[in-house]
């Protein structure tokens, strides 16, 4: 897997937005699983994310009981994806307004 960047998250999270609109639970589960795997990959973009995103993904994929218990709830998964979606959208807007800021 290549190092995930802003554009990779934008593309994947578009599926999230579509799944929310159509209330497609299996698609949400797939997006959540893919996001978690992307978050643990080393990349400049992941390093720019708020640490709780990466830490949560690491704990979840390491099957830590507290993370599994908390993230078992589909509503919690949706909140996680929603927060990440919002953050990615803000990063994209910032990059669009100031191309030099795209590496933040």
Protein backbone atom coordinates (compact mmCIF):
# COMPACT_ATOMS: atom_id res chain seq x y z
CA UNK A 1 0.00 0.00 0.00
CA UNK A 2 1.38 3.39 -0.95
CA UNK A 3 1.65 6.13 1.64
CA UNK A 4 -1.83 7.67 1.93
CA UNK A 5 -2.18 11.34 1.09
CA UNK A 6 -4.99 13.87 1.23
CA UNK A 7 -6.38 12.84 -2.16
CA UNK A 8 -6.58 9.18 -1.11
CA UNK A 9 -8.70 10.10 1.89
CA UNK A 10 -10.88 12.40 -0.20
CA UNK A 11 -11.57 9.63 -2.68
CA UNK A 12 -12.34 7.03 -0.01
CA UNK A 13 -14.43 9.36 2.12
CA UNK A 14 -16.61 10.21 -0.88
CA UNK A 15 -17.84 6.63 -0.55
CA UNK A 16 -18.58 7.43 3.09
CA UNK A 17 -20.65 10.47 2.10
CA UNK A 18 -22.58 8.40 -0.45
CA UNK A 19 -23.17 5.61 2.09
CA UNK A 20 -24.52 8.10 4.64
CA UNK A 21 -26.96 9.50 2.10
CA UNK A 22 -28.20 6.04 1.14
CA UNK A 23 -27.95 4.56 4.67
CA UNK A 24 -25.87 1.66 3.31
CA UNK A 25 -24.45 0.01 6.43
CA UNK A 26 -22.22 -2.60 4.70
CA UNK A 27 -20.56 0.17 2.68
CA UNK A 28 -19.95 2.16 5.88
CA UNK A 29 -18.31 -0.88 7.47
CA UNK A 30 -16.05 -1.30 4.44
CA UNK A 31 -15.06 2.39 4.42
CA UNK A 32 -14.38 2.26 8.16
CA UNK A 33 -12.14 -0.80 7.79
CA UNK A 34 -10.19 0.76 4.90
CA UNK A 35 -9.77 4.07 6.74
CA UNK A 36 -8.41 2.29 9.79
CA UNK A 37 -5.81 0.49 7.68
CA UNK A 38 -4.85 3.73 5.90
CA UNK A 39 -4.41 5.62 9.16
CA UNK A 40 -1.65 3.35 10.41
CA UNK A 41 0.44 3.68 7.24
CA UNK A 42 3.41 6.03 7.54
CA UNK A 43 2.90 9.17 5.45
CA UNK A 44 3.38 12.91 5.65
CA UNK A 45 -0.36 13.38 5.55
CA UNK A 46 -1.02 10.94 8.37
CA UNK A 47 1.65 12.71 10.41
CA UNK A 48 -0.34 15.94 9.96
CA UNK A 49 -3.53 14.41 11.36
CA UNK A 50 -4.60 14.94 14.96
CA UNK A 51 -2.95 12.13 16.88
CA UNK A 52 -6.20 10.59 18.21
CA UNK A 53 -7.12 9.43 14.69
CA UNK A 54 -3.91 7.46 14.31
CA UNK A 55 -3.82 6.22 17.90
CA UNK A 56 -7.40 5.00 17.71
CA UNK A 57 -6.70 3.14 14.47
CA UNK A 58 -3.58 1.52 15.91
CA UNK A 59 -5.44 0.41 19.04
CA UNK A 60 -8.39 -0.88 17.03
CA UNK A 61 -6.25 -2.87 14.59
CA UNK A 62 -4.15 -4.22 17.48
CA UNK A 63 -7.46 -5.53 18.87
CA UNK A 64 -7.15 -3.67 22.16
CA UNK A 65 -10.31 -4.55 24.13
CA UNK A 66 -11.23 -0.96 24.96
CA UNK A 67 -10.93 0.14 21.33
CA UNK A 68 -12.84 -2.87 20.02
CA UNK A 69 -15.60 -2.37 22.55
CA UNK A 70 -15.93 1.33 21.82
CA UNK A 71 -15.73 1.07 18.05
CA UNK A 72 -18.02 -1.95 17.79
CA UNK A 73 -20.97 0.43 17.75
CA UNK A 74 -21.77 1.52 14.16
CA UNK A 75 -22.81 4.98 15.41
CA UNK A 76 -19.39 5.47 16.99
CA UNK A 77 -17.76 4.36 13.73
CA UNK A 78 -19.87 6.92 11.89
CA UNK A 79 -18.83 9.67 14.31
CA UNK A 80 -15.20 8.71 13.78
CA UNK A 81 -15.61 8.81 9.99
CA UNK A 82 -17.55 12.06 10.22
CA UNK A 83 -14.79 13.74 12.21
CA UNK A 84 -12.14 12.50 9.80
CA UNK A 85 -14.26 13.54 6.81
CA UNK A 86 -14.61 17.06 8.21
CA UNK A 87 -10.89 17.30 8.90
CA UNK A 88 -10.01 16.09 5.40
CA UNK A 89 -12.45 18.58 3.87
CA UNK A 90 -10.84 21.41 5.85
CA UNK A 91 -7.35 20.31 4.75
CA UNK A 92 -8.52 20.20 1.12
CA UNK A 93 -10.04 23.66 1.37
CA UNK A 94 -6.86 25.01 2.88
CA UNK A 95 -4.77 23.38 0.15
CA UNK A 96 -7.06 24.82 -2.53
CA UNK A 97 -6.78 28.33 -1.11
CA UNK A 98 -3.03 28.16 -0.55
CA UNK A 99 -1.16 25.53 -2.58
CA UNK A 100 1.93 25.96 -0.40
CA UNK A 101 -0.13 24.87 2.65
CA UNK A 102 -0.90 21.49 1.12
CA UNK A 103 1.92 19.75 2.93
CA UNK A 104 0.65 20.65 6.42
